[in-house]
Amino acid sequence: MSTTAGDEVVSGVDLLESVRTWIAYALTVVLPGAGHLYVGQWKRGLAWIALCLGSVVFLSTGAIVTERTALEPILVTVVGLESVAFADIAFPLAVLVLSVVDLHTLVVLDDE
């Protein structure tokens, strides 16, 4: 089977789009909404980032009330997961998963 220059360009474009999509997925796993920003969905990306940060603050409010410190609970929540129950991280985890699903939906609809 022979390949022409036009076929190579099309496959290169497909490869570039695939790499771009996976970068967006990786960014979304690191920070929900970052992948949306990467693909140009600014409003959605900022909304997901706000929801993610809000869920972490919501998760930390119990520690803020009991410990009466503002910085330590967020650090304990993000870094020190040894004393945190699954129920405490369920909401931020759900935000992360839903953000990835939303990004996937956007990518699939964009391909059509």
C-alpha atoms as a PDB file:
ATOM      1  CA  MET A   1       0.000   0.000   0.000  1.00  0.00           C
ATOM      2  CA  SER A   2       1.517   3.333  -1.003  1.00  0.00           C
ATOM      3  CA  THR A   3       1.135   6.565   0.894  1.00  0.00           C
ATOM      4  CA  THR A   4       0.934   9.997  -0.588  1.00  0.00           C
ATOM      5  CA  ALA A   5       2.020  13.259   0.972  1.00  0.00           C
ATOM      6  CA  GLY A   6      -1.619  14.190   1.575  1.00  0.00           C
ATOM      7  CA  ASP A   7      -2.212  11.035   3.646  1.00  0.00           C
ATOM      8  CA  GLU A   8       0.773  11.806   5.848  1.00  0.00           C
ATOM      9  CA  VAL A   9      -0.479  15.329   6.545  1.00  0.00           C
ATOM     10  CA  VAL A  10      -3.928  14.049   7.520  1.00  0.00           C
ATOM     11  CA  SER A  11      -2.468  11.431   9.858  1.00  0.00           C
ATOM     12  CA  GLY A  12      -0.146  14.080  11.332  1.00  0.00           C
ATOM     13  CA  VAL A  13      -3.120  16.335  12.034  1.00  0.00           C
ATOM     14  CA  ASP A  14      -4.969  13.412  13.637  1.00  0.00           C
ATOM     15  CA  LEU A  15      -1.930  12.647  15.778  1.00  0.00           C
ATOM     16  CA  LEU A  16      -1.632  16.283  16.841  1.00  0.00           C
ATOM     17  CA  GLU A  17      -5.317  16.393  17.807  1.00  0.00           C
ATOM     18  CA  SER A  18      -4.936  13.139  19.750  1.00  0.00           C
ATOM     19  CA  VAL A  19      -1.946  14.494  21.669  1.00  0.00           C
ATOM     20  CA  ARG A  20      -3.825  17.740  22.335  1.00  0.00           C
ATOM     21  CA  THR A  21      -6.806  15.777  23.655  1.00  0.00           C
ATOM     22  CA  TRP A  22      -4.665  13.692  26.019  1.00  0.00           C
ATOM     23  CA  ILE A  23      -2.908  16.812  27.304  1.00  0.00           C
ATOM     24  CA  ALA A  24      -6.341  18.280  28.055  1.00  0.00           C
ATOM     25  CA  TYR A  25      -7.336  15.095  29.923  1.00  0.00           C
ATOM     26  CA  ALA A  26      -4.115  15.170  31.974  1.00  0.00           C
ATOM     27  CA  LEU A  27      -4.626  18.824  32.861  1.00  0.00           C
ATOM     28  CA  THR A  28      -8.194  18.082  33.934  1.00  0.00           C
ATOM     29  CA  VAL A  29      -7.032  15.288  36.238  1.00  0.00           C
ATOM     30  CA  VAL A  30      -4.489  17.635  37.850  1.00  0.00           C
ATOM     31  CA  LEU A  31      -6.996  20.493  38.219  1.00  0.00           C
ATOM     32  CA  PRO A  32     -10.605  20.085  37.124  1.00  0.00           C
ATOM     33  CA  GLY A  33     -11.302  22.770  34.532  1.00  0.00           C
ATOM     34  CA  ALA A  34      -7.701  23.217  33.356  1.00  0.00           C
ATOM     35  CA  GLY A  35      -8.275  20.931  30.372  1.00  0.00           C
ATOM     36  CA  HIS A  36     -11.356  22.940  29.439  1.00  0.00           C
ATOM     37  CA  LEU A  37      -9.228  26.092  29.466  1.00  0.00           C
ATOM     38  CA  TYR A  38      -6.645  24.314  27.286  1.00  0.00           C
ATOM     39  CA  VAL A  39      -9.205  23.494  24.595  1.00  0.00           C
ATOM     40  CA  GLY A  40     -10.664  27.013  24.685  1.00  0.00           C
ATOM     41  CA  GLN A  41     -13.795  26.468  26.791  1.00  0.00           C
ATOM     42  CA  TRP A  42     -13.093  29.410  29.110  1.00  0.00           C
ATOM     43  CA  LYS A  43     -16.452  29.739  30.890  1.00  0.00           C
ATOM     44  CA  ARG A  44     -16.753  26.006  31.509  1.00  0.00           C
ATOM     45  CA  GLY A  45     -13.141  25.769  32.648  1.00  0.00           C
ATOM     46  CA  LEU A  46     -13.483  28.608  35.130  1.00  0.00           C
ATOM     47  CA  ALA A  47     -16.751  27.150  36.417  1.00  0.00           C
ATOM     48  CA  TRP A  48     -15.101  23.739  37.006  1.00  0.00           C
ATOM     49  CA  ILE A  49     -12.117  25.369  38.744  1.00  0.00           C
ATOM     50  CA  ALA A  50     -14.452  27.349  41.002  1.00  0.00           C
ATOM     51  CA  LEU A  51     -16.455  24.206  41.790  1.00  0.00           C
ATOM     52  CA  CYS A  52     -13.268  22.266  42.544  1.00  0.00           C
ATOM     53  CA  LEU A  53     -11.882  24.947  44.845  1.00  0.00           C
ATOM     54  CA  GLY A  54     -15.285  25.309  46.484  1.00  0.00           C
ATOM     55  CA  SER A  55     -15.447  21.574  47.133  1.00  0.00           C
ATOM     56  CA  VAL A  56     -11.992  21.594  48.761  1.00  0.00           C
ATOM     57  CA  VAL A  57     -12.968  24.551  50.953  1.00  0.00           C
ATOM     58  CA  PHE A  58     -16.259  22.825  51.790  1.00  0.00           C
ATOM     59  CA  LEU A  59     -14.303  19.719  52.716  1.00  0.00           C
ATOM     60  CA  SER A  60     -12.029  21.780  54.954  1.00  0.00           C
ATOM     61  CA  THR A  61     -14.722  23.723  56.793  1.00  0.00           C
ATOM     62  CA  GLY A  62     -15.098  21.084  59.506  1.00  0.00           C
ATOM     63  CA  ALA A  63     -11.410  21.295  60.309  1.00  0.00           C
ATOM     64  CA  ILE A  64     -11.515  25.107  60.234  1.00  0.00           C
ATOM     65  CA  VAL A  65     -14.306  25.133  62.812  1.00  0.00           C
ATOM     66  CA  THR A  66     -12.624  22.625  65.147  1.00  0.00           C
ATOM     67  CA  GLU A  67      -8.999  23.760  64.766  1.00  0.00           C
ATOM     68  CA  ARG A  68      -9.696  27.494  64.265  1.00  0.00           C
ATOM     69  CA  THR A  69      -6.924  27.873  61.676  1.00  0.00           C
ATOM     70  CA  ALA A  70      -7.447  28.980  58.101  1.00  0.00           C
ATOM     71  CA  LEU A  71      -4.423  27.516  56.288  1.00  0.00           C
ATOM     72  CA  GLU A  72      -3.818  24.196  58.016  1.00  0.00           C
ATOM     73  CA  PRO A  73      -7.133  22.475  57.111  1.00  0.00           C
ATOM     74  CA  ILE A  74      -6.613  22.918  53.377  1.00  0.00           C
ATOM     75  CA  LEU A  75      -3.094  21.507  53.654  1.00  0.00           C
ATOM     76  CA  VAL A  76      -4.356  18.625  55.778  1.00  0.00           C
ATOM     77  CA  THR A  77      -7.110  17.959  53.262  1.00  0.00           C
ATOM     78  CA  VAL A  78      -4.878  18.037  50.208  1.00  0.00           C
ATOM     79  CA  VAL A  79      -1.722  16.417  51.604  1.00  0.00           C
ATOM     80  CA  GLY A  80      -2.551  14.484  54.767  1.00  0.00           C
ATOM     81  CA  LEU A  81      -5.086  11.943  53.608  1.00  0.00           C
ATOM     82  CA  GLU A  82      -4.168   9.394  56.283  1.00  0.00           C
ATOM     83  CA  SER A  83      -6.824  10.725  58.682  1.00  0.00           C
ATOM     84  CA  VAL A  84      -9.480  11.630  56.115  1.00  0.00           C
ATOM     85  CA  ALA A  85     -12.374   9.259  55.480  1.00  0.00           C
ATOM     86  CA  PHE A  86     -13.632   8.492  51.974  1.00  0.00           C
ATOM     87  CA  ALA A  87     -16.864  10.337  52.739  1.00  0.00           C
ATOM     88  CA  ASP A  88     -14.778  13.482  53.265  1.00  0.00           C
ATOM     89  CA  ILE A  89     -13.209  13.330  49.793  1.00  0.00           C
ATOM     90  CA  ALA A  90     -16.214  11.943  47.904  1.00  0.00           C
ATOM     91  CA  PHE A  91     -17.484  15.343  46.743  1.00  0.00           C
ATOM     92  CA  PRO A  92     -14.128  16.640  45.409  1.00  0.00           C
ATOM     93  CA  LEU A  93     -13.556  13.252  43.761  1.00  0.00           C
ATOM     94  CA  ALA A  94     -16.989  13.455  42.130  1.00  0.00           C
ATOM     95  CA  VAL A  95     -16.139  16.938  40.828  1.00  0.00           C
ATOM     96  CA  LEU A  96     -12.934  15.558  39.313  1.00  0.00           C
ATOM     97  CA  VAL A  97     -14.679  12.626  37.617  1.00  0.00           C
ATOM     98  CA  LEU A  98     -17.537  14.764  36.296  1.00  0.00           C
ATOM     99  CA  SER A  99     -15.074  17.314  34.940  1.00  0.00           C
ATOM    100  CA  VAL A 100     -13.248  14.602  32.976  1.00  0.00           C
ATOM    101  CA  VAL A 101     -16.566  13.233  31.673  1.00  0.00           C
ATOM    102  CA  ASP A 102     -17.637  16.741  30.637  1.00  0.00           C
ATOM    103  CA  LEU A 103     -14.353  17.305  28.799  1.00  0.00           C
ATOM    104  CA  HIS A 104     -14.682  13.943  27.054  1.00  0.00           C
ATOM    105  CA  THR A 105     -18.205  14.851  25.960  1.00  0.00           C
ATOM    106  CA  LEU A 106     -16.962  18.173  24.566  1.00  0.00           C
ATOM    107  CA  VAL A 107     -14.161  16.457  22.636  1.00  0.00           C
ATOM    108  CA  VAL A 108     -16.487  13.813  21.199  1.00  0.00           C
ATOM    109  CA  LEU A 109     -19.091  16.397  20.156  1.00  0.00           C
ATOM    110  CA  ASP A 110     -16.354  18.555  18.639  1.00  0.00           C
ATOM    111  CA  ASP A 111     -15.176  15.637  16.492  1.00  0.00           C
ATOM    112  CA  GLU A 112     -18.631  15.217  14.928  1.00  0.00           C
END
